[in-house]
Amino acid sequence: MLVTLKGFGGIWERRLTKTPPAPNPAVRVAFYNTTGVVVDGKVRYRWRIGGKIRFNGIGGFTPNNPSRSLNRVFECKDPEATRAGWTQVLFRKMLAGPERPDFYLFVMTAGHTGRLDIQSPWKADAVQVIALSEHANEQEAMLLMPAYSWVRGELGTFYVEPTARQFWSAELRLGRAGLEQ
């Protein structure tokens, strides 16, 4: 599966993996990213839907400057459920050049889309939720979205619109009145 990375969640973790044993410590490092919201002045997990994306120490991800990975296409494993019940997507490697992705990974907040009412029809069937955290009026969602899919928040319906100049990229655009589903 090919994914263009469009954003990161609010929480990062760094872990040393126990396997495989390797002489190069960079091979054993994994970086995880997920959603979080501010609770008592600190960004915390408040998963309604749990999940993380994972980058290994090799594969093109630069942990000292994660923004270098934005708008880049990665080869990824399909989302997997962990034994703990949350979803994980492994970002195996950054591609050397752009290719048309299967999905775009967007991270959105209530400040951007308005609250997502996850008890109602709030997303297209093809949209895959990786993680969603919420507390009080704050919300952060990490979603895998194919081209032309949508999510509906309090501010309206937002569509994934591929860009013409960069065929591997897309923007999340608010639908025009009268055109929303």
Foldseek 3Di string as FASTA:
>chain_A
DKEAEADFADDKDKDFAPPPDDPDSLQRIKMKTDHFDDDPRDTDFAWPAAAIEMEGSDADQDVVCNCVRHRFMFDKDPWDADPVGAIYIYRRHTDPDADAGQWYKDKDKCVVQNAAPVVDPFWDPPKDWRTWGDDDRIIITIITHGAQIWGHHPNAIWGWHQDPVRNNHTDTHHDDPPPGD
